[in-house]
Structure formats: C-alpha cells, structure tokens
C-alpha cells in the first residue's frame, strides 16, 4: 500500500463518505470512477484511502472472539459523533 508523502493533509470533507464506501466495496459506477480518480490526484484523499484500507485489512485479520464491552462501544459511538459534529 502506497502512502502519499504529506500524511498530515486531511481528506476533502466532501469526499470522506465516498472514500469510505470505496474502501468497503460499496461504491460502483461513475461514483467509483470519480472517487478513484480524485484519490489518485489528491494527497489528502489518497492517503486517507490508503490508511483506511490498511485499517480494514487489519481489522479483518484480527477478529477477536472476545466481545467488546458495552461501555467501550458507547464511548466509541460518543467519540465518533463528536468528531462528526466538528466536521460539519
């Protein structure tokens, strides 16, 4: 997996959802073509996509048989919601 040189540049705000859908295989057609082309040209989006794919691969490899504690799930949900509200 290739990371762009400027790892600190964030992805374009309007591209995050498309990049996530691309990484999970949910994106098709012209949206997929556009997102791939954009990520190839934009350092922030390209790096975000590369890191996301690596993260998803690691998660697939490290499936745990131990359930995640419920309080950890709620803390994670709260953190994600806080980050999403900051980006809006």
N, C-alpha and C. Protein backbone atom coordinates (compact mmCIF):
# COMPACT_ATOMS: atom_id res chain seq x y z
N UNK A 1 0.84 -1.16 0.00
CA UNK A 1 0.00 0.00 0.00
C UNK A 1 0.90 1.24 0.00
N UNK A 2 0.62 2.17 -0.87
CA UNK A 2 1.43 3.37 -1.01
C UNK A 2 0.78 4.54 -0.27
N UNK A 3 1.58 5.21 0.59
CA UNK A 3 1.11 6.39 1.27
C UNK A 3 1.71 7.60 0.58
N UNK A 4 0.93 8.65 0.48
CA UNK A 4 1.43 9.89 -0.09
C UNK A 4 2.41 10.53 0.87
N UNK A 5 3.30 11.36 0.36
CA UNK A 5 4.35 11.97 1.18
C UNK A 5 3.78 12.83 2.31
N UNK A 6 2.75 13.61 2.03
CA UNK A 6 2.21 14.52 3.03
C UNK A 6 1.07 13.83 3.78
N UNK A 7 1.43 13.06 4.81
CA UNK A 7 0.44 12.29 5.55
C UNK A 7 -0.44 13.16 6.43
N UNK A 8 -0.05 14.40 6.68
CA UNK A 8 -0.79 15.27 7.57
C UNK A 8 -1.96 15.96 6.89
N UNK A 9 -1.99 16.01 5.58
CA UNK A 9 -3.07 16.69 4.87
C UNK A 9 -4.35 15.87 5.01
N UNK A 10 -5.43 16.48 5.51
CA UNK A 10 -6.68 15.73 5.68
C UNK A 10 -7.38 15.51 4.34
N UNK A 11 -8.31 14.55 4.31
CA UNK A 11 -9.08 14.35 3.08
C UNK A 11 -10.06 15.49 2.88
N UNK A 12 -10.49 15.67 1.67
CA UNK A 12 -11.51 16.67 1.36
C UNK A 12 -12.80 16.28 2.09
N UNK A 13 -13.43 17.23 2.75
CA UNK A 13 -14.62 16.93 3.55
C UNK A 13 -15.74 16.29 2.73
N UNK A 14 -15.91 16.73 1.49
CA UNK A 14 -16.99 16.20 0.67
C UNK A 14 -16.66 14.82 0.10
N UNK A 15 -15.45 14.33 0.34
CA UNK A 15 -15.04 13.03 -0.21
C UNK A 15 -14.98 11.91 0.82
N UNK A 16 -15.05 12.23 2.09
CA UNK A 16 -14.85 11.21 3.13
C UNK A 16 -15.81 10.03 3.01
N UNK A 17 -17.09 10.29 2.85
CA UNK A 17 -18.07 9.21 2.75
C UNK A 17 -17.83 8.37 1.49
N UNK A 18 -17.54 9.02 0.37
CA UNK A 18 -17.25 8.28 -0.86
C UNK A 18 -16.01 7.41 -0.70
N UNK A 19 -14.99 7.93 -0.04
CA UNK A 19 -13.76 7.15 0.18
C UNK A 19 -14.04 5.95 1.08
N UNK A 20 -14.87 6.14 2.10
CA UNK A 20 -15.23 5.04 2.98
C UNK A 20 -16.01 3.97 2.22
N UNK A 21 -16.93 4.39 1.38
CA UNK A 21 -17.71 3.43 0.59
C UNK A 21 -16.82 2.71 -0.42
N UNK A 22 -15.85 3.41 -0.98
CA UNK A 22 -14.91 2.79 -1.90
C UNK A 22 -14.08 1.73 -1.18
N UNK A 23 -13.58 2.06 0.00
CA UNK A 23 -12.73 1.14 0.75
C UNK A 23 -13.49 -0.12 1.18
N UNK A 24 -14.78 0.00 1.41
CA UNK A 24 -15.57 -1.15 1.84
C UNK A 24 -16.22 -1.89 0.68
N UNK A 25 -15.98 -1.42 -0.55
CA UNK A 25 -16.51 -2.11 -1.72
C UNK A 25 -17.96 -1.79 -2.04
N UNK A 26 -18.50 -0.75 -1.45
CA UNK A 26 -19.91 -0.41 -1.66
C UNK A 26 -20.13 0.56 -2.81
N UNK A 27 -19.07 1.14 -3.33
CA UNK A 27 -19.19 2.16 -4.37
C UNK A 27 -19.09 1.53 -5.75
N UNK A 28 -19.96 1.96 -6.67
CA UNK A 28 -19.96 1.42 -8.03
C UNK A 28 -20.15 2.54 -9.04
N UNK A 29 -19.99 2.19 -10.29
CA UNK A 29 -20.31 3.09 -11.39
C UNK A 29 -19.47 4.35 -11.43
N UNK A 30 -20.10 5.44 -11.84
CA UNK A 30 -19.41 6.70 -12.05
C UNK A 30 -18.87 7.27 -10.74
N UNK A 31 -19.58 7.02 -9.63
CA UNK A 31 -19.09 7.49 -8.32
C UNK A 31 -17.77 6.80 -7.97
N UNK A 32 -17.68 5.52 -8.28
CA UNK A 32 -16.44 4.79 -8.02
C UNK A 32 -15.31 5.35 -8.89
N UNK A 33 -15.59 5.54 -10.16
CA UNK A 33 -14.59 6.08 -11.09
C UNK A 33 -14.11 7.45 -10.62
N UNK A 34 -15.05 8.32 -10.28
CA UNK A 34 -14.71 9.67 -9.82
C UNK A 34 -13.87 9.62 -8.55
N UNK A 35 -14.27 8.78 -7.60
CA UNK A 35 -13.57 8.71 -6.31
C UNK A 35 -12.15 8.18 -6.48
N UNK A 36 -11.98 7.15 -7.29
CA UNK A 36 -10.64 6.61 -7.55
C UNK A 36 -9.77 7.67 -8.22
N UNK A 37 -10.32 8.36 -9.22
CA UNK A 37 -9.56 9.39 -9.92
C UNK A 37 -9.19 10.54 -8.99
N UNK A 38 -10.11 10.94 -8.14
CA UNK A 38 -9.84 12.02 -7.20
C UNK A 38 -8.75 11.62 -6.21
N UNK A 39 -8.86 10.42 -5.65
CA UNK A 39 -7.87 9.95 -4.66
C UNK A 39 -6.49 9.82 -5.28
N UNK A 40 -6.42 9.54 -6.57
CA UNK A 40 -5.12 9.43 -7.25
C UNK A 40 -4.46 10.79 -7.40
N UNK A 41 -5.25 11.86 -7.43
CA UNK A 41 -4.72 13.21 -7.64
C UNK A 41 -4.60 14.04 -6.36
N UNK A 42 -5.35 13.69 -5.34
CA UNK A 42 -5.40 14.47 -4.10
C UNK A 42 -4.62 13.75 -3.00
N UNK A 43 -3.58 14.37 -2.50
CA UNK A 43 -2.75 13.73 -1.47
C UNK A 43 -3.53 13.38 -0.22
N UNK A 44 -4.35 14.31 0.26
CA UNK A 44 -5.11 14.05 1.49
C UNK A 44 -6.06 12.88 1.33
N UNK A 45 -6.79 12.85 0.24
CA UNK A 45 -7.76 11.77 0.00
C UNK A 45 -7.06 10.45 -0.32
N UNK A 46 -5.99 10.52 -1.08
CA UNK A 46 -5.24 9.30 -1.39
C UNK A 46 -4.67 8.65 -0.15
N UNK A 47 -4.13 9.47 0.74
CA UNK A 47 -3.57 8.93 1.97
C UNK A 47 -4.66 8.40 2.89
N UNK A 48 -5.77 9.12 2.97
CA UNK A 48 -6.90 8.67 3.78
C UNK A 48 -7.39 7.31 3.30
N UNK A 49 -7.54 7.16 2.00
CA UNK A 49 -8.00 5.90 1.42
C UNK A 49 -7.01 4.78 1.70
N UNK A 50 -5.73 5.04 1.54
CA UNK A 50 -4.71 4.01 1.80
C UNK A 50 -4.74 3.57 3.25
N UNK A 51 -4.80 4.52 4.16
CA UNK A 51 -4.83 4.20 5.59
C UNK A 51 -6.11 3.45 5.96
N UNK A 52 -7.21 3.86 5.37
CA UNK A 52 -8.48 3.19 5.65
C UNK A 52 -8.44 1.74 5.19
N UNK A 53 -7.91 1.50 4.01
CA UNK A 53 -7.80 0.13 3.50
C UNK A 53 -6.91 -0.72 4.40
N UNK A 54 -5.79 -0.17 4.85
CA UNK A 54 -4.89 -0.89 5.75
C UNK A 54 -5.61 -1.21 7.06
N UNK A 55 -6.32 -0.23 7.59
CA UNK A 55 -7.06 -0.42 8.85
C UNK A 55 -8.11 -1.51 8.70
N UNK A 56 -8.85 -1.48 7.60
CA UNK A 56 -9.88 -2.50 7.38
C UNK A 56 -9.26 -3.89 7.22
N UNK A 57 -8.13 -3.97 6.54
CA UNK A 57 -7.44 -5.25 6.39
C UNK A 57 -7.00 -5.80 7.75
N UNK A 58 -6.47 -4.92 8.59
CA UNK A 58 -6.01 -5.34 9.92
C UNK A 58 -7.20 -5.82 10.75
N UNK A 59 -8.30 -5.09 10.68
CA UNK A 59 -9.49 -5.50 11.43
C UNK A 59 -10.01 -6.86 10.98
N UNK A 60 -9.95 -7.11 9.68
CA UNK A 60 -10.40 -8.41 9.16
C UNK A 60 -9.50 -9.54 9.67
N UNK A 61 -8.20 -9.27 9.77
CA UNK A 61 -7.24 -10.29 10.21
C UNK A 61 -7.30 -10.55 11.70
N UNK A 62 -7.71 -9.57 12.47
CA UNK A 62 -7.65 -9.69 13.92
C UNK A 62 -9.03 -9.80 14.55
N UNK A 63 -9.86 -10.62 13.98
CA UNK A 63 -11.19 -10.82 14.55
C UNK A 63 -11.02 -11.47 15.92
N UNK A 64 -11.58 -10.84 16.91
CA UNK A 64 -11.46 -11.32 18.28
C UNK A 64 -12.69 -12.13 18.65
N UNK A 65 -12.45 -13.19 19.41
CA UNK A 65 -13.57 -13.98 19.89
C UNK A 65 -14.15 -13.37 21.16
N UNK A 66 -13.41 -12.45 21.78
CA UNK A 66 -13.90 -11.77 22.97
C UNK A 66 -14.82 -10.63 22.57
N UNK A 67 -16.00 -10.56 23.14
CA UNK A 67 -16.90 -9.45 22.79
C UNK A 67 -16.36 -8.13 23.35
N UNK A 68 -16.69 -7.06 22.66
CA UNK A 68 -16.28 -5.73 23.10
C UNK A 68 -17.21 -5.32 24.23
N UNK A 69 -16.66 -4.83 25.35
CA UNK A 69 -17.52 -4.40 26.47
C UNK A 69 -18.49 -3.31 26.02
N UNK A 70 -19.70 -3.34 26.54
CA UNK A 70 -20.73 -2.39 26.13
C UNK A 70 -20.32 -0.94 26.40
N UNK A 71 -19.63 -0.68 27.50
CA UNK A 71 -19.22 0.69 27.78
C UNK A 71 -18.20 1.19 26.76
N UNK A 72 -17.39 0.29 26.23
CA UNK A 72 -16.42 0.68 25.20
C UNK A 72 -17.16 1.07 23.92
N UNK A 73 -18.21 0.33 23.59
CA UNK A 73 -18.99 0.64 22.40
C UNK A 73 -19.64 2.02 22.53
N UNK A 74 -20.21 2.31 23.69
CA UNK A 74 -20.88 3.60 23.85
C UNK A 74 -19.87 4.75 23.87
N UNK A 75 -18.69 4.54 24.44
CA UNK A 75 -17.65 5.57 24.42
C UNK A 75 -17.19 5.83 22.99
N UNK A 76 -17.04 4.77 22.22
CA UNK A 76 -16.62 4.91 20.82
C UNK A 76 -17.68 5.64 20.01
N UNK A 77 -18.95 5.28 20.20
CA UNK A 77 -20.03 5.97 19.49
C UNK A 77 -20.03 7.46 19.82
N UNK A 78 -19.85 7.81 21.10
CA UNK A 78 -19.84 9.21 21.52
C UNK A 78 -18.67 9.96 20.88
N UNK A 79 -17.52 9.32 20.82
CA UNK A 79 -16.34 9.94 20.22
C UNK A 79 -16.57 10.18 18.72
N UNK A 80 -17.13 9.20 18.03
CA UNK A 80 -17.41 9.34 16.60
C UNK A 80 -18.42 10.46 16.35
N UNK A 81 -19.47 10.50 17.15
CA UNK A 81 -20.47 11.56 16.99
C UNK A 81 -19.87 12.94 17.24
N UNK A 82 -18.97 13.05 18.21
CA UNK A 82 -18.31 14.33 18.49
C UNK A 82 -17.44 14.75 17.31
N UNK A 83 -16.71 13.81 16.73
CA UNK A 83 -15.87 14.11 15.59
C UNK A 83 -16.72 14.51 14.38
N UNK A 84 -17.82 13.80 14.16
CA UNK A 84 -18.69 14.13 13.04
C UNK A 84 -19.30 15.52 13.20
N UNK A 85 -19.67 15.91 14.41
CA UNK A 85 -20.27 17.23 14.61
C UNK A 85 -19.22 18.33 14.43
N UNK A 86 -17.95 18.04 14.70
CA UNK A 86 -16.88 19.01 14.47
C UNK A 86 -16.66 19.25 12.99
N UNK A 87 -16.84 18.21 12.17
CA UNK A 87 -16.60 18.30 10.73
C UNK A 87 -17.75 18.95 9.97
N UNK A 88 -18.86 19.21 10.63
CA UNK A 88 -20.00 19.79 9.91
C UNK A 88 -19.99 21.27 9.96
